[in-house]
Amino acid sequence: MKNKVLLTAAVTGAGDTTKINEHVPVTPKEIAESAIASAKAGATVAHVHARDPETGGISHNIEHYREIVDRIRDSETDVVINITAGGGGDFIPSLDTPAAGGDGTWIQTPDERHAPVGQLLPEMCTLDCGSVNFGNMIYLSPTDWLRQHAKLIQESGVKPELECFDTGHLRFAKQLIDEGLIDGDPMFQFCLGIPWGAEADVETITYFKNRLPENAYWSAFGIGRMQLPIAMQTAMLGGNIRVGLEDNLYLTRGVPATNEQLVDKAVEMLHTNGIEVMSPEEARVQFGLRNSHGGNQS
């Protein structure tokens, strides 16, 4: 689809951001409503994490995901649902318990990480293609675990978005493709600017883009103040884009954003440059996604 891009709204994430921006959705109801509002503002895809309604922190509770997905599906607003499958990879180093990790460590097996995706069958899910220093935490995703996880996603019929936080992740994502663990035309997501992964700049986007398989689709996002600049540069280079409160909390300097405001600003920016946003139905056809209620798109 020439001059059309897939626009993802990453509506909440799992970071400690709720005290910084009161608009970050926490409860399943709030997360679903924010996804729906983002879709009405023009987003093609809602990328979903679940949070604990009591603490605001990350939740791996399938019932929280189920409520979010059910509320989105039951609404009259169409949007492609993309559930994170990257939960349960947090390792916090500790000098007292170096092998077991310190407070906040939460490691899940591939089966556990896949459970919300396997049970709820969204159109898409993420697959983080390697380990990375994430601030002072280590996000763990060993290669054999990734192979198992990719196989589970493949068997579910859900389309994986191959998330690359650094250059080695791209290499291993291509290895998964070579091993037959990724079906159809692969979708890559370049995750830029996160300490301490790949830089958020055009040179890095170009490096990733030039090393993709010929049949690959790709997207990129930057965090914080680089969110909209990276979105625009990505769209001009032929990629798909992502905005939202998972990656950036502000509309302008010091002004807290809502998800729909960030989507609206991205849509306006695209339109100014002659680029349109794909509808959810166009995206399902373009990328071979199952439909929103679990069937395959013909």
Protein backbone atom coordinates (compact mmCIF):
# COMPACT_ATOMS: atom_id res chain seq x y z
CA MET A 1 0.00 0.00 0.00
CA LYS A 2 1.98 2.93 -1.32
CA ASN A 3 2.01 5.97 0.98
CA LYS A 4 0.15 4.09 3.70
CA VAL A 5 1.63 3.03 7.03
CA LEU A 6 0.54 0.90 9.95
CA LEU A 7 0.27 3.10 13.05
CA THR A 8 0.59 1.36 16.42
CA ALA A 9 -0.49 2.91 19.73
CA ALA A 10 1.49 1.37 22.60
CA VAL A 11 -0.95 2.43 25.27
CA THR A 12 0.62 1.65 28.65
CA GLY A 13 3.77 -0.51 28.81
CA ALA A 14 5.06 -1.82 32.12
CA GLY A 15 7.32 0.96 33.34
CA ASP A 16 6.98 2.98 36.54
CA THR A 17 5.27 5.84 34.72
CA THR A 18 1.88 6.20 36.40
CA LYS A 19 3.19 8.76 38.95
CA ILE A 20 4.62 10.90 36.17
CA ASN A 21 1.58 11.05 33.91
CA GLU A 22 -1.89 10.52 35.34
CA HIS A 23 -3.19 9.59 31.88
CA VAL A 24 -1.26 6.28 31.80
CA PRO A 25 -4.02 3.65 31.93
CA VAL A 26 -3.79 1.04 34.69
CA THR A 27 -6.94 -1.03 35.11
CA PRO A 28 -8.13 -3.38 32.34
CA LYS A 29 -11.06 -1.04 31.73
CA GLU A 30 -8.79 2.01 31.43
CA ILE A 31 -6.35 0.19 29.14
CA ALA A 32 -9.14 -1.02 26.86
CA GLU A 33 -10.76 2.43 26.76
CA SER A 34 -7.42 4.04 25.90
CA ALA A 35 -6.88 1.51 23.11
CA ILE A 36 -10.35 2.26 21.74
CA ALA A 37 -9.78 6.02 21.98
CA SER A 38 -6.46 5.60 20.15
CA ALA A 39 -8.20 3.65 17.39
CA LYS A 40 -10.81 6.38 17.04
CA ALA A 41 -7.97 8.89 16.72
CA GLY A 42 -6.56 6.86 13.83
CA ALA A 43 -4.37 4.06 15.21
CA THR A 44 -4.32 0.81 13.26
CA VAL A 45 -2.98 -1.33 16.11
CA ALA A 46 -3.29 -1.27 19.90
CA HIS A 47 -0.23 -2.75 21.60
CA VAL A 48 -1.29 -4.04 25.00
CA HIS A 49 0.43 -4.73 28.30
CA ALA A 50 -1.55 -5.50 31.45
CA ARG A 51 -1.00 -3.77 34.79
CA ASP A 52 -1.97 -4.71 38.32
CA PRO A 53 -5.02 -2.55 39.14
CA GLU A 54 -3.91 -2.32 42.78
CA THR A 55 -0.25 -1.39 42.37
CA GLY A 56 -0.07 -0.03 38.82
CA GLY A 57 2.91 -2.30 38.17
CA ILE A 58 3.32 -5.03 35.58
CA SER A 59 0.80 -7.87 35.61
CA HIS A 60 1.18 -11.34 34.13
CA ASN A 61 -2.39 -12.28 35.13
CA ILE A 62 -4.16 -13.76 32.11
CA GLU A 63 -7.52 -12.58 33.45
CA HIS A 64 -6.34 -8.97 33.27
CA TYR A 65 -5.40 -9.53 29.62
CA ARG A 66 -8.69 -11.31 28.99
CA GLU A 67 -10.72 -8.35 30.27
CA ILE A 68 -8.72 -5.90 28.16
CA VAL A 69 -9.10 -7.97 24.99
CA ASP A 70 -12.77 -8.72 25.59
CA ARG A 71 -13.57 -5.04 26.12
CA ILE A 72 -11.78 -4.05 22.92
CA ARG A 73 -13.43 -6.81 20.90
CA ASP A 74 -16.87 -6.00 22.30
CA SER A 75 -16.56 -2.33 21.37
CA GLU A 76 -17.84 -0.93 18.10
CA THR A 77 -14.37 0.38 17.23
CA ASP A 78 -12.15 -1.83 15.09
CA VAL A 79 -8.45 -2.08 15.92
CA VAL A 80 -5.79 -4.76 15.48
CA ILE A 81 -4.83 -6.19 18.88
CA ASN A 82 -1.15 -6.79 19.62
CA ILE A 83 -0.42 -8.40 23.00
CA THR A 84 3.06 -8.28 24.48
CA ALA A 85 4.69 -11.67 24.82
CA GLY A 86 7.80 -10.21 26.43
CA GLY A 87 6.71 -10.35 30.06
CA GLY A 88 8.60 -12.27 32.71
CA GLY A 89 12.11 -11.51 31.51
CA ASP A 90 13.24 -9.08 34.21
CA PHE A 91 16.51 -9.92 35.99
CA ILE A 92 17.68 -7.47 38.65
CA PRO A 93 21.32 -8.07 39.59
CA SER A 94 22.10 -8.45 43.29
CA LEU A 95 25.47 -8.90 44.99
CA ASP A 96 23.75 -10.85 47.76
CA THR A 97 22.03 -13.35 45.44
CA PRO A 98 23.85 -13.07 42.11
CA ALA A 99 22.50 -16.35 40.70
CA ALA A 100 18.90 -15.82 41.77
CA GLY A 101 18.67 -12.08 41.22
CA GLY A 102 17.41 -9.40 43.59
CA ASP A 103 14.08 -7.78 44.37
CA GLY A 104 12.02 -7.26 41.24
CA THR A 105 13.44 -10.24 39.36
CA TRP A 106 10.65 -12.05 37.54
CA ILE A 107 11.54 -14.71 34.99
CA GLN A 108 8.90 -16.69 33.11
CA THR A 109 9.38 -19.73 30.86
CA PRO A 110 8.44 -19.54 27.16
CA ASP A 111 5.16 -21.34 27.95
CA GLU A 112 4.31 -18.80 30.64
CA ARG A 113 5.20 -15.83 28.45
CA HIS A 114 3.06 -17.22 25.67
CA ALA A 115 -0.01 -18.05 27.77
CA PRO A 116 -2.03 -14.81 27.22
CA VAL A 117 -1.35 -14.96 23.47
CA GLY A 118 -2.13 -18.66 23.20
CA GLN A 119 -5.40 -18.36 25.09
CA LEU A 120 -6.71 -15.05 23.70
CA LEU A 121 -5.42 -15.34 20.10
CA PRO A 122 -4.91 -11.68 19.13
CA GLU A 123 -3.94 -10.80 15.59
CA MET A 124 -0.36 -9.97 16.64
CA CYS A 125 2.09 -10.33 19.50
CA THR A 126 5.63 -9.18 20.16
CA LEU A 127 8.66 -11.46 20.27
CA ASP A 128 11.73 -9.81 21.83
CA CYS A 129 14.60 -11.30 19.88
CA GLY A 130 17.38 -11.27 22.45
CA SER A 131 18.61 -10.16 25.85
CA VAL A 132 19.59 -6.57 26.55
CA ASN A 133 20.75 -4.25 29.34
CA PHE A 134 17.56 -2.33 30.12
CA GLY A 135 18.63 0.51 32.38
CA ASN A 136 20.06 -1.29 35.42
CA MET A 137 17.98 -4.39 34.70
CA ILE A 138 18.79 -7.22 32.33
CA TYR A 139 15.98 -8.36 30.07
CA LEU A 140 16.62 -12.09 29.55
CA SER A 141 15.54 -13.90 26.42
CA PRO A 142 17.98 -16.77 25.74
CA THR A 143 18.19 -18.16 22.23
CA ASP A 144 16.84 -21.64 22.98
CA TRP A 145 13.93 -20.08 24.86
CA LEU A 146 13.28 -17.83 21.86
CA ARG A 147 13.14 -20.84 19.56
CA GLN A 148 10.58 -22.48 21.85
CA HIS A 149 8.60 -19.26 22.10
CA ALA A 150 8.64 -18.67 18.35
CA LYS A 151 7.33 -22.20 17.81
CA LEU A 152 4.46 -21.62 20.25
CA ILE A 153 3.50 -18.40 18.47
CA GLN A 154 3.74 -20.13 15.09
CA GLU A 155 1.42 -22.93 16.24
CA SER A 156 -1.11 -20.37 17.51
CA GLY A 157 -1.41 -18.65 14.13
CA VAL A 158 -0.66 -15.24 15.68
CA LYS A 159 1.66 -12.92 13.71
CA PRO A 160 4.87 -12.16 15.64
CA GLU A 161 6.35 -8.69 15.59
CA LEU A 162 10.09 -9.34 15.84
CA GLU A 163 11.35 -6.73 18.27
CA CYS A 164 15.01 -5.76 17.92
CA PHE A 165 16.57 -3.63 20.67
CA ASP A 166 20.09 -4.07 19.31
CA THR A 167 21.85 -5.26 16.18
CA GLY A 168 22.42 -8.82 17.36
CA HIS A 169 18.67 -9.21 17.81
CA LEU A 170 18.20 -8.64 14.09
CA ARG A 171 20.75 -11.35 13.36
CA PHE A 172 18.94 -13.85 15.56
CA ALA A 173 15.51 -12.90 14.21
CA LYS A 174 16.81 -13.80 10.75
CA GLN A 175 18.09 -17.07 12.19
CA LEU A 176 14.56 -17.86 13.40
CA ILE A 177 13.31 -17.20 9.88
CA ASP A 178 16.01 -19.44 8.37
CA GLU A 179 15.01 -22.22 10.77
CA GLY A 180 11.40 -22.05 9.59
CA LEU A 181 10.01 -20.70 12.87
CA ILE A 182 8.45 -17.56 11.38
CA ASP A 183 5.66 -17.95 8.81
CA GLY A 184 4.86 -15.60 5.94
CA ASP A 185 6.47 -12.23 5.36
CA PRO A 186 8.18 -11.28 8.65
CA MET A 187 7.40 -8.10 10.56
CA PHE A 188 10.25 -6.37 12.38
CA GLN A 189 10.12 -3.64 15.03
CA PHE A 190 13.25 -1.57 15.70
CA CYS A 191 13.15 -0.44 19.36
CA LEU A 192 15.42 2.61 19.57
CA GLY A 193 16.85 4.83 22.27
CA ILE A 194 16.30 2.53 25.25
CA PRO A 195 19.25 2.49 27.67
CA TRP A 196 21.33 0.56 26.71
CA GLY A 197 20.25 -0.66 23.31
CA ALA A 198 20.46 0.77 19.82
CA GLU A 199 20.61 4.54 19.29
CA ALA A 200 17.54 6.46 18.12
CA ASP A 201 18.81 8.03 14.90
CA VAL A 202 18.57 7.72 11.15
CA GLU A 203 21.91 5.93 10.89
CA THR A 204 20.65 3.13 13.12
CA ILE A 205 17.35 2.84 11.26
CA THR A 206 19.25 2.62 7.99
CA TYR A 207 21.62 -0.01 9.40
CA PHE A 208 18.68 -2.20 10.46
CA LYS A 209 16.68 -1.59 7.29
CA ASN A 210 19.57 -2.50 4.99
CA ARG A 211 19.96 -5.88 6.67
CA LEU A 212 16.35 -7.05 6.47
CA PRO A 213 15.21 -9.99 4.36
CA GLU A 214 13.78 -8.83 1.03
CA ASN A 215 10.21 -9.83 1.94
CA ALA A 216 10.23 -8.16 5.37
CA TYR A 217 7.98 -5.40 6.67
CA TRP A 218 9.39 -3.10 9.31
CA SER A 219 8.55 -0.50 11.89
CA ALA A 220 10.57 1.63 14.30
CA PHE A 221 9.96 3.71 17.38
CA GLY A 222 11.96 6.04 19.58
CA ILE A 223 11.35 6.85 23.22
CA GLY A 224 10.81 10.15 25.01
CA ARG A 225 11.40 13.27 22.98
CA MET A 226 12.57 11.15 20.04
CA GLN A 227 9.17 9.48 19.59
CA LEU A 228 7.74 11.78 16.93
CA PRO A 229 11.05 12.54 15.14
CA ILE A 230 11.76 8.80 14.77
CA ALA A 231 8.16 8.21 13.68
CA MET A 232 8.47 10.80 10.92
CA GLN A 233 11.90 9.63 9.77
CA THR A 234 10.68 6.03 9.75
CA ALA A 235 7.60 6.84 7.68
CA MET A 236 9.69 8.79 5.15
CA LEU A 237 12.01 5.77 4.83
CA GLY A 238 9.07 3.45 4.10
CA GLY A 239 8.52 1.95 7.55
CA ASN A 240 5.55 1.68 9.87
CA ILE A 241 5.39 3.72 13.07
CA ARG A 242 4.53 3.52 16.76
CA VAL A 243 3.59 6.15 19.32
CA GLY A 244 1.95 6.04 22.76
CA LEU A 245 2.47 6.35 26.48
CA GLU A 246 4.54 3.19 26.74
CA ASP A 247 7.38 5.06 25.04
CA ASN A 248 6.73 8.76 25.66
CA LEU A 249 4.71 10.57 28.34
CA TYR A 250 4.62 14.11 26.94
CA LEU A 251 2.78 15.92 24.17
CA THR A 252 5.22 18.82 24.33
CA ARG A 253 7.88 19.70 26.88
CA GLY A 254 6.32 19.45 30.34
CA VAL A 255 2.80 18.76 29.03
CA PRO A 256 1.53 15.24 29.86
CA ALA A 257 -0.07 13.49 26.90
CA THR A 258 -2.91 11.06 26.39
CA ASN A 259 -2.55 8.19 23.94
CA GLU A 260 -5.15 9.63 21.60
CA GLN A 261 -3.35 12.98 21.54
CA LEU A 262 -0.10 11.28 20.53
CA VAL A 263 -1.92 9.31 17.83
CA ASP A 264 -3.67 12.45 16.59
CA LYS A 265 -0.35 14.31 16.40
CA ALA A 266 1.24 11.43 14.48
CA VAL A 267 -1.67 11.25 12.03
CA GLU A 268 -1.47 15.00 11.42
CA MET A 269 2.28 14.76 10.87
CA LEU A 270 1.83 11.93 8.36
CA HIS A 271 -0.93 13.73 6.48
CA THR A 272 1.24 16.84 6.19
CA ASN A 273 3.76 14.68 4.33
CA GLY A 274 1.23 12.94 2.08
CA ILE A 275 1.16 9.67 4.03
CA GLU A 276 -2.06 7.93 5.07
CA VAL A 277 -2.69 5.45 7.88
CA MET A 278 -3.85 1.90 7.12
CA SER A 279 -7.21 0.83 8.46
CA PRO A 280 -7.25 -2.29 10.64
CA GLU A 281 -8.90 -4.25 7.84
CA GLU A 282 -6.28 -3.11 5.32
CA ALA A 283 -3.57 -4.20 7.75
CA ARG A 284 -5.12 -7.65 8.19
CA VAL A 285 -5.05 -8.17 4.43
CA GLN A 286 -1.61 -6.62 3.91
CA PHE A 287 0.13 -8.60 6.64
CA GLY A 288 -1.91 -11.81 6.56
CA LEU A 289 -3.35 -11.40 10.06
CA ARG A 290 -6.12 -13.42 11.66
CA ASN A 291 -9.27 -11.40 12.27
CA SER A 292 -10.10 -9.90 15.66
CA HIS A 293 -12.15 -12.86 16.84
CA GLY A 294 -9.57 -15.56 16.19
CA GLY A 295 -10.13 -16.65 12.56
CA ASN A 296 -7.61 -16.33 9.75
CA GLN A 297 -7.86 -13.47 7.27
CA SER A 298 -8.62 -14.80 3.80
